[in-house]
Amino acid sequence: MSETLLPILDYWKTGGLLLIPIAGVCFGIWAYFFKARRALLGALALPPDFERRMEAGVVQGKTAELPAWLDAQTGVIPGAVACALRSRAGGQDPVAVFDDAAAFAVSRLTRDIVILAALAAVAPLIGLLGTVTGMIQTFQGVAATSAGTTGEVAAGIGQALVTTQVGLFVAIPGVLAVARLNRIVEEVRTAFDQCRNHLLALARHEKHPAIDTAGRGQPRPDVPGSMPCRSPA
C-alpha cells in the first residue's frame, strides 16, 4: 500500500467507528451548502432588463403585459411580482400578496440552511461522544490488571483525541458556511424589498395619477419607496 495512505488508514483506525458518521455529516454539510448556495444565487440572478421593465411597467402604471413577461423568466422574484400584479384583477392588495409570496419563497430557500446548521452542530457532538467512549476505554484499561493495560490506555486516549479533532474539523467549515448563506439570504430579502417598493409606488401612482414620472429611475420624495428594483451585487 502507498506510504501516503498508510498514515491516513492508521489515523482512521485510531478514531474508531465513530469516524464513519462524522464522515457522513461532513458530506451532508457540503452537499447542503452547495445546494442552498445554488438556489440562493439563482434567486438573485434577475434578467438583465428586469430593472428597466419593472420601472417602466410598474412605476408608470403600464402593467398589462408585465405579468406575461415575468412568467417567462426564471427565479422566485419575478414569479412573486407576477403573482402580485395578477391579484389586482381580483381586488386583492398586490403588496400583501407579494409579501406572502416573498415569505414563502424565502422559507423554501432557507430550509436547507436549517438542515446545514443542524449538521454543523451534530459533528462536534459526535466527536464528544467519541471522547467519552475513548475515556471509558482508557479507564477500563487502567482498571485492568493484564499486561496489555498500557496498550488499552493508549488506544482509548487516541480514540478520544481523534474523534474530537475530526468532529471540530468538520463543524468549523459548516458554521462558516451557514454564516455565508445567511448573508446571501439577506441579499435576497433586500431584492424582495426593492421590488415591494415598486408595488407601493404603483399603488401611490394609481391613487394620484398626476404624479410626474418624467424622472423615472430616480427616487422621488413624493412617491415613497420609488427606488429601482435591481439585483444586489
C-alpha atoms as a PDB file:
ATOM      1  CA  MET A   1       0.000   0.000   0.000  1.00  0.00           C
ATOM      2  CA  SER A   2       1.168   3.525  -0.705  1.00  0.00           C
ATOM      3  CA  GLU A   3       3.192   5.174   2.042  1.00  0.00           C
ATOM      4  CA  THR A   4       0.875   8.159   1.799  1.00  0.00           C
ATOM      5  CA  LEU A   5      -2.249   6.107   2.506  1.00  0.00           C
ATOM      6  CA  LEU A   6      -0.811   4.162   5.425  1.00  0.00           C
ATOM      7  CA  PRO A   7      -0.792   7.106   7.901  1.00  0.00           C
ATOM      8  CA  ILE A   8      -4.345   8.002   6.847  1.00  0.00           C
ATOM      9  CA  LEU A   9      -5.509   4.430   7.411  1.00  0.00           C
ATOM     10  CA  ASP A  10      -3.793   4.281  10.805  1.00  0.00           C
ATOM     11  CA  TYR A  11      -5.384   7.595  11.767  1.00  0.00           C
ATOM     12  CA  TRP A  12      -8.816   6.292  10.710  1.00  0.00           C
ATOM     13  CA  LYS A  13      -8.360   3.094  12.727  1.00  0.00           C
ATOM     14  CA  THR A  14      -7.402   5.136  15.772  1.00  0.00           C
ATOM     15  CA  GLY A  15     -10.611   7.152  15.588  1.00  0.00           C
ATOM     16  CA  GLY A  16     -12.770   4.047  15.540  1.00  0.00           C
ATOM     17  CA  LEU A  17     -16.224   3.503  14.104  1.00  0.00           C
ATOM     18  CA  LEU A  18     -17.476   6.976  15.071  1.00  0.00           C
ATOM     19  CA  LEU A  19     -15.455   8.463  12.216  1.00  0.00           C
ATOM     20  CA  ILE A  20     -17.974   6.907   9.805  1.00  0.00           C
ATOM     21  CA  PRO A  21     -20.954   9.032  10.939  1.00  0.00           C
ATOM     22  CA  ILE A  22     -18.670  12.072  11.146  1.00  0.00           C
ATOM     23  CA  ALA A  23     -17.670  11.483   7.533  1.00  0.00           C
ATOM     24  CA  GLY A  24     -21.357  11.229   6.611  1.00  0.00           C
ATOM     25  CA  VAL A  25     -22.077  14.528   8.377  1.00  0.00           C
ATOM     26  CA  CYS A  26     -19.169  16.132   6.526  1.00  0.00           C
ATOM     27  CA  PHE A  27     -20.606  15.001   3.186  1.00  0.00           C
ATOM     28  CA  GLY A  28     -24.057  16.283   4.173  1.00  0.00           C
ATOM     29  CA  ILE A  29     -22.686  19.694   5.187  1.00  0.00           C
ATOM     30  CA  TRP A  30     -21.014  20.311   1.855  1.00  0.00           C
ATOM     31  CA  ALA A  31     -23.907  18.830  -0.155  1.00  0.00           C
ATOM     32  CA  TYR A  32     -26.463  21.110   1.514  1.00  0.00           C
ATOM     33  CA  PHE A  33     -24.131  24.091   1.312  1.00  0.00           C
ATOM     34  CA  PHE A  34     -23.746  23.857  -2.456  1.00  0.00           C
ATOM     35  CA  LYS A  35     -27.444  23.090  -2.919  1.00  0.00           C
ATOM     36  CA  ALA A  36     -28.573  26.084  -0.854  1.00  0.00           C
ATOM     37  CA  ARG A  37     -25.963  28.372  -2.400  1.00  0.00           C
ATOM     38  CA  ARG A  38     -27.070  27.471  -5.913  1.00  0.00           C
ATOM     39  CA  ALA A  39     -30.719  28.140  -5.059  1.00  0.00           C
ATOM     40  CA  LEU A  40     -29.961  31.491  -3.421  1.00  0.00           C
ATOM     41  CA  LEU A  41     -27.730  32.720  -6.223  1.00  0.00           C
ATOM     42  CA  GLY A  42     -30.393  31.605  -8.697  1.00  0.00           C
ATOM     43  CA  ALA A  43     -32.918  33.774  -6.873  1.00  0.00           C
ATOM     44  CA  LEU A  44     -30.583  36.755  -7.218  1.00  0.00           C
ATOM     45  CA  ALA A  45     -29.911  36.155 -10.928  1.00  0.00           C
ATOM     46  CA  LEU A  46     -32.503  38.564 -12.320  1.00  0.00           C
ATOM     47  CA  PRO A  47     -32.880  39.169 -16.091  1.00  0.00           C
ATOM     48  CA  PRO A  48     -30.609  41.935 -17.453  1.00  0.00           C
ATOM     49  CA  ASP A  49     -33.555  44.214 -18.292  1.00  0.00           C
ATOM     50  CA  PHE A  50     -35.561  43.403 -15.167  1.00  0.00           C
ATOM     51  CA  GLU A  51     -34.976  46.808 -13.614  1.00  0.00           C
ATOM     52  CA  ARG A  52     -35.994  48.665 -16.758  1.00  0.00           C
ATOM     53  CA  ARG A  53     -39.120  46.565 -17.278  1.00  0.00           C
ATOM     54  CA  MET A  54     -40.206  46.956 -13.691  1.00  0.00           C
ATOM     55  CA  GLU A  55     -39.516  50.668 -13.789  1.00  0.00           C
ATOM     56  CA  ALA A  56     -41.472  51.248 -16.999  1.00  0.00           C
ATOM     57  CA  GLY A  57     -44.258  48.817 -16.189  1.00  0.00           C
ATOM     58  CA  VAL A  58     -44.913  49.431 -12.517  1.00  0.00           C
ATOM     59  CA  VAL A  59     -43.836  52.990 -11.793  1.00  0.00           C
ATOM     60  CA  GLN A  60     -45.610  54.315 -14.900  1.00  0.00           C
ATOM     61  CA  GLY A  61     -48.649  52.096 -14.337  1.00  0.00           C
ATOM     62  CA  LYS A  62     -48.209  50.085 -17.566  1.00  0.00           C
ATOM     63  CA  THR A  63     -48.684  46.630 -16.120  1.00  0.00           C
ATOM     64  CA  ALA A  64     -50.859  44.907 -18.754  1.00  0.00           C
ATOM     65  CA  GLU A  65     -48.013  42.964 -20.410  1.00  0.00           C
ATOM     66  CA  LEU A  66     -45.724  42.727 -17.399  1.00  0.00           C
ATOM     67  CA  PRO A  67     -47.137  39.514 -15.798  1.00  0.00           C
ATOM     68  CA  ALA A  68     -46.790  37.530 -19.034  1.00  0.00           C
ATOM     69  CA  TRP A  69     -43.191  38.680 -19.427  1.00  0.00           C
ATOM     70  CA  LEU A  70     -42.436  37.857 -15.792  1.00  0.00           C
ATOM     71  CA  ASP A  71     -43.842  34.335 -16.194  1.00  0.00           C
ATOM     72  CA  ALA A  72     -41.355  33.720 -18.989  1.00  0.00           C
ATOM     73  CA  GLN A  73     -38.464  34.498 -16.628  1.00  0.00           C
ATOM     74  CA  THR A  74     -36.868  32.151 -14.131  1.00  0.00           C
ATOM     75  CA  GLY A  75     -36.476  32.841 -10.447  1.00  0.00           C
ATOM     76  CA  VAL A  76     -38.686  33.369  -7.438  1.00  0.00           C
ATOM     77  CA  ILE A  77     -38.618  37.180  -7.515  1.00  0.00           C
ATOM     78  CA  PRO A  78     -40.197  37.604 -10.998  1.00  0.00           C
ATOM     79  CA  GLY A  79     -42.758  34.966 -10.047  1.00  0.00           C
ATOM     80  CA  ALA A  80     -43.715  36.814  -6.866  1.00  0.00           C
ATOM     81  CA  VAL A  81     -44.116  40.114  -8.740  1.00  0.00           C
ATOM     82  CA  ALA A  82     -46.265  38.448 -11.424  1.00  0.00           C
ATOM     83  CA  CYS A  83     -48.479  36.877  -8.757  1.00  0.00           C
ATOM     84  CA  ALA A  84     -48.902  40.251  -7.052  1.00  0.00           C
ATOM     85  CA  LEU A  85     -49.804  42.059 -10.277  1.00  0.00           C
ATOM     86  CA  ARG A  86     -52.394  39.434 -11.227  1.00  0.00           C
ATOM     87  CA  SER A  87     -54.008  39.694  -7.819  1.00  0.00           C
ATOM     88  CA  ARG A  88     -55.098  43.245  -8.644  1.00  0.00           C
ATOM     89  CA  ALA A  89     -57.701  41.884 -11.077  1.00  0.00           C
ATOM     90  CA  GLY A  90     -59.387  40.049  -8.199  1.00  0.00           C
ATOM     91  CA  GLY A  91     -59.434  43.116  -5.988  1.00  0.00           C
ATOM     92  CA  GLN A  92     -56.664  41.900  -3.718  1.00  0.00           C
ATOM     93  CA  ASP A  93     -53.909  44.041  -2.275  1.00  0.00           C
ATOM     94  CA  PRO A  94     -50.886  43.352  -4.529  1.00  0.00           C
ATOM     95  CA  VAL A  95     -48.438  44.340  -1.796  1.00  0.00           C
ATOM     96  CA  ALA A  96     -49.963  41.852   0.661  1.00  0.00           C
ATOM     97  CA  VAL A  97     -49.952  39.116  -1.982  1.00  0.00           C
ATOM     98  CA  PHE A  98     -46.318  39.923  -2.795  1.00  0.00           C
ATOM     99  CA  ASP A  99     -45.377  39.786   0.896  1.00  0.00           C
ATOM    100  CA  ASP A 100     -46.948  36.324   1.222  1.00  0.00           C
ATOM    101  CA  ALA A 101     -45.183  35.088  -1.921  1.00  0.00           C
ATOM    102  CA  ALA A 102     -41.864  36.534  -0.752  1.00  0.00           C
ATOM    103  CA  ALA A 103     -42.192  34.958   2.706  1.00  0.00           C
ATOM    104  CA  PHE A 104     -42.991  31.575   1.154  1.00  0.00           C
ATOM    105  CA  ALA A 105     -40.050  31.822  -1.250  1.00  0.00           C
ATOM    106  CA  VAL A 106     -37.593  32.802   1.489  1.00  0.00           C
ATOM    107  CA  SER A 107     -38.796  29.954   3.714  1.00  0.00           C
ATOM    108  CA  ARG A 108     -38.167  27.466   0.897  1.00  0.00           C
ATOM    109  CA  LEU A 109     -34.744  28.956   0.202  1.00  0.00           C
ATOM    110  CA  THR A 110     -33.692  28.773   3.858  1.00  0.00           C
ATOM    111  CA  ARG A 111     -34.906  25.276   4.730  1.00  0.00           C
ATOM    112  CA  ASP A 112     -31.641  23.707   3.547  1.00  0.00           C
ATOM    113  CA  ILE A 113     -29.729  26.176   5.715  1.00  0.00           C
ATOM    114  CA  VAL A 114     -31.614  24.876   8.771  1.00  0.00           C
ATOM    115  CA  ILE A 115     -30.503  21.332   7.960  1.00  0.00           C
ATOM    116  CA  LEU A 116     -26.958  22.546   7.319  1.00  0.00           C
ATOM    117  CA  ALA A 117     -26.862  24.305  10.689  1.00  0.00           C
ATOM    118  CA  ALA A 118     -28.112  21.140  12.392  1.00  0.00           C
ATOM    119  CA  LEU A 119     -25.392  19.053  10.736  1.00  0.00           C
ATOM    120  CA  ALA A 120     -22.736  21.572  11.761  1.00  0.00           C
ATOM    121  CA  ALA A 121     -23.963  21.274  15.356  1.00  0.00           C
ATOM    122  CA  VAL A 122     -24.066  17.455  15.256  1.00  0.00           C
ATOM    123  CA  ALA A 123     -20.446  16.999  14.113  1.00  0.00           C
ATOM    124  CA  PRO A 124     -18.743  18.165  17.352  1.00  0.00           C
ATOM    125  CA  LEU A 125     -21.331  16.236  19.391  1.00  0.00           C
ATOM    126  CA  ILE A 126     -20.323  13.012  17.652  1.00  0.00           C
ATOM    127  CA  GLY A 127     -16.720  13.938  18.369  1.00  0.00           C
ATOM    128  CA  LEU A 128     -17.647  14.453  22.029  1.00  0.00           C
ATOM    129  CA  LEU A 129     -19.288  11.036  22.046  1.00  0.00           C
ATOM    130  CA  GLY A 130     -16.011   9.627  20.752  1.00  0.00           C
ATOM    131  CA  THR A 131     -14.202  11.415  23.555  1.00  0.00           C
ATOM    132  CA  VAL A 132     -16.451   9.865  26.174  1.00  0.00           C
ATOM    133  CA  THR A 133     -16.139   6.425  24.578  1.00  0.00           C
ATOM    134  CA  GLY A 134     -12.358   6.733  24.429  1.00  0.00           C
ATOM    135  CA  MET A 135     -12.095   7.839  28.043  1.00  0.00           C
ATOM    136  CA  ILE A 136     -14.263   4.924  29.156  1.00  0.00           C
ATOM    137  CA  GLN A 137     -11.905   2.603  27.303  1.00  0.00           C
ATOM    138  CA  THR A 138      -8.963   4.337  28.978  1.00  0.00           C
ATOM    139  CA  PHE A 139     -10.348   3.878  32.476  1.00  0.00           C
ATOM    140  CA  GLN A 140     -11.155   0.261  31.719  1.00  0.00           C
ATOM    141  CA  GLY A 141      -7.526  -0.216  30.707  1.00  0.00           C
ATOM    142  CA  VAL A 142      -6.321   1.436  33.907  1.00  0.00           C
ATOM    143  CA  ALA A 143      -8.580  -0.764  35.984  1.00  0.00           C
ATOM    144  CA  ALA A 144      -7.368  -3.910  34.228  1.00  0.00           C
ATOM    145  CA  THR A 145      -4.515  -5.895  35.643  1.00  0.00           C
ATOM    146  CA  SER A 146      -3.398  -7.588  32.458  1.00  0.00           C
ATOM    147  CA  ALA A 147      -0.118  -6.910  30.737  1.00  0.00           C
ATOM    148  CA  GLY A 148      -1.889  -5.102  27.903  1.00  0.00           C
ATOM    149  CA  THR A 149      -3.015  -2.223  30.117  1.00  0.00           C
ATOM    150  CA  THR A 150      -0.679   0.307  28.511  1.00  0.00           C
ATOM    151  CA  GLY A 151      -1.917  -0.527  25.024  1.00  0.00           C
ATOM    152  CA  GLU A 152      -5.557  -0.228  26.069  1.00  0.00           C
ATOM    153  CA  VAL A 153      -4.933   3.151  27.688  1.00  0.00           C
ATOM    154  CA  ALA A 154      -3.144   4.455  24.586  1.00  0.00           C
ATOM    155  CA  ALA A 155      -5.932   3.212  22.300  1.00  0.00           C
ATOM    156  CA  GLY A 156      -8.611   4.861  24.426  1.00  0.00           C
ATOM    157  CA  ILE A 157      -6.831   8.212  24.556  1.00  0.00           C
ATOM    158  CA  GLY A 158      -6.137   8.043  20.826  1.00  0.00           C
ATOM    159  CA  GLN A 159      -9.803   7.475  20.022  1.00  0.00           C
ATOM    160  CA  ALA A 160     -10.846  10.296  22.336  1.00  0.00           C
ATOM    161  CA  LEU A 161      -8.499  12.794  20.713  1.00  0.00           C
ATOM    162  CA  VAL A 162      -9.035  11.770  17.077  1.00  0.00           C
ATOM    163  CA  THR A 163     -12.828  11.817  17.144  1.00  0.00           C
ATOM    164  CA  THR A 164     -12.867  15.205  18.873  1.00  0.00           C
ATOM    165  CA  GLN A 165     -10.372  16.643  16.401  1.00  0.00           C
ATOM    166  CA  VAL A 166     -12.226  15.357  13.336  1.00  0.00           C
ATOM    167  CA  GLY A 167     -15.595  16.479  14.717  1.00  0.00           C
ATOM    168  CA  LEU A 168     -14.322  20.028  15.168  1.00  0.00           C
ATOM    169  CA  PHE A 169     -12.590  19.967  11.793  1.00  0.00           C
ATOM    170  CA  VAL A 170     -15.914  19.107  10.150  1.00  0.00           C
ATOM    171  CA  ALA A 171     -18.028  21.518  12.216  1.00  0.00           C
ATOM    172  CA  ILE A 172     -15.982  24.713  11.789  1.00  0.00           C
ATOM    173  CA  PRO A 173     -16.422  24.968   7.979  1.00  0.00           C
ATOM    174  CA  GLY A 174     -20.103  24.167   8.487  1.00  0.00           C
ATOM    175  CA  VAL A 175     -20.550  27.114  10.824  1.00  0.00           C
ATOM    176  CA  LEU A 176     -18.790  29.405   8.346  1.00  0.00           C
ATOM    177  CA  ALA A 177     -20.956  28.047   5.525  1.00  0.00           C
ATOM    178  CA  VAL A 178     -24.139  28.859   7.473  1.00  0.00           C
ATOM    179  CA  ALA A 179     -22.910  32.408   8.053  1.00  0.00           C
ATOM    180  CA  ARG A 180     -22.155  32.865   4.342  1.00  0.00           C
ATOM    181  CA  LEU A 181     -25.555  31.532   3.284  1.00  0.00           C
ATOM    182  CA  ASN A 182     -27.358  33.746   5.785  1.00  0.00           C
ATOM    183  CA  ARG A 183     -25.634  36.744   4.225  1.00  0.00           C
ATOM    184  CA  ILE A 184     -26.927  35.733   0.784  1.00  0.00           C
ATOM    185  CA  VAL A 185     -30.404  35.313   2.281  1.00  0.00           C
ATOM    186  CA  GLU A 186     -30.255  38.935   3.435  1.00  0.00           C
ATOM    187  CA  GLU A 187     -29.387  39.965  -0.129  1.00  0.00           C
ATOM    188  CA  VAL A 188     -32.429  38.041  -1.383  1.00  0.00           C
ATOM    189  CA  ARG A 189     -34.628  39.794   1.177  1.00  0.00           C
ATOM    190  CA  THR A 190     -33.219  43.136   0.038  1.00  0.00           C
ATOM    191  CA  ALA A 191     -34.111  42.303  -3.572  1.00  0.00           C
ATOM    192  CA  PHE A 192     -37.664  41.429  -2.494  1.00  0.00           C
ATOM    193  CA  ASP A 193     -37.903  44.683  -0.531  1.00  0.00           C
ATOM    194  CA  GLN A 194     -36.798  46.730  -3.531  1.00  0.00           C
ATOM    195  CA  CYS A 195     -39.462  45.126  -5.715  1.00  0.00           C
ATOM    196  CA  ARG A 196     -42.024  45.658  -2.982  1.00  0.00           C
ATOM    197  CA  ASN A 197     -41.190  49.360  -3.137  1.00  0.00           C
ATOM    198  CA  HIS A 198     -42.160  49.331  -6.797  1.00  0.00           C
ATOM    199  CA  LEU A 199     -45.547  47.886  -5.926  1.00  0.00           C
ATOM    200  CA  LEU A 200     -46.021  50.566  -3.303  1.00  0.00           C
ATOM    201  CA  ALA A 201     -45.134  53.151  -5.946  1.00  0.00           C
ATOM    202  CA  LEU A 202     -47.744  51.625  -8.257  1.00  0.00           C
ATOM    203  CA  ALA A 203     -50.427  51.886  -5.578  1.00  0.00           C
ATOM    204  CA  ARG A 204     -49.487  55.505  -4.940  1.00  0.00           C
ATOM    205  CA  HIS A 205     -49.473  56.228  -8.682  1.00  0.00           C
ATOM    206  CA  GLU A 206     -52.976  54.800  -9.117  1.00  0.00           C
ATOM    207  CA  LYS A 207     -54.301  56.940  -6.289  1.00  0.00           C
ATOM    208  CA  HIS A 208     -52.502  60.059  -7.564  1.00  0.00           C
ATOM    209  CA  PRO A 209     -52.117  59.688 -11.358  1.00  0.00           C
ATOM    210  CA  ALA A 210     -50.990  63.305 -11.686  1.00  0.00           C
ATOM    211  CA  ILE A 211     -47.640  62.495 -10.118  1.00  0.00           C
ATOM    212  CA  ASP A 212     -44.853  63.410 -12.526  1.00  0.00           C
ATOM    213  CA  THR A 213     -42.993  60.340 -13.805  1.00  0.00           C
ATOM    214  CA  ALA A 214     -40.577  62.206 -16.044  1.00  0.00           C
ATOM    215  CA  GLY A 215     -37.630  61.354 -13.816  1.00  0.00           C
ATOM    216  CA  ARG A 216     -38.222  57.602 -13.810  1.00  0.00           C
ATOM    217  CA  GLY A 217     -35.469  55.524 -12.389  1.00  0.00           C
ATOM    218  CA  GLN A 218     -34.712  58.209  -9.785  1.00  0.00           C
ATOM    219  CA  PRO A 219     -36.091  58.225  -6.231  1.00  0.00           C
ATOM    220  CA  ARG A 220     -38.821  60.859  -5.813  1.00  0.00           C
ATOM    221  CA  PRO A 221     -39.744  62.257  -2.393  1.00  0.00           C
ATOM    222  CA  ASP A 222     -43.462  62.358  -3.303  1.00  0.00           C
ATOM    223  CA  VAL A 223     -43.548  58.615  -4.030  1.00  0.00           C
ATOM    224  CA  PRO A 224     -42.352  56.627  -1.025  1.00  0.00           C
ATOM    225  CA  GLY A 225     -40.116  53.718  -1.869  1.00  0.00           C
ATOM    226  CA  SER A 226     -39.709  54.562  -5.575  1.00  0.00           C
ATOM    227  CA  MET A 227     -36.277  53.020  -5.985  1.00  0.00           C
ATOM    228  CA  PRO A 228     -35.101  50.930  -8.944  1.00  0.00           C
ATOM    229  CA  CYS A 229     -35.509  47.187  -8.397  1.00  0.00           C
ATOM    230  CA  ARG A 230     -32.100  45.690  -9.018  1.00  0.00           C
ATOM    231  CA  SER A 231     -30.220  42.616  -8.064  1.00  0.00           C
ATOM    232  CA  PRO A 232     -27.788  43.152  -5.176  1.00  0.00           C
ATOM    233  CA  ALA A 233     -24.108  42.961  -6.008  1.00  0.00           C
END
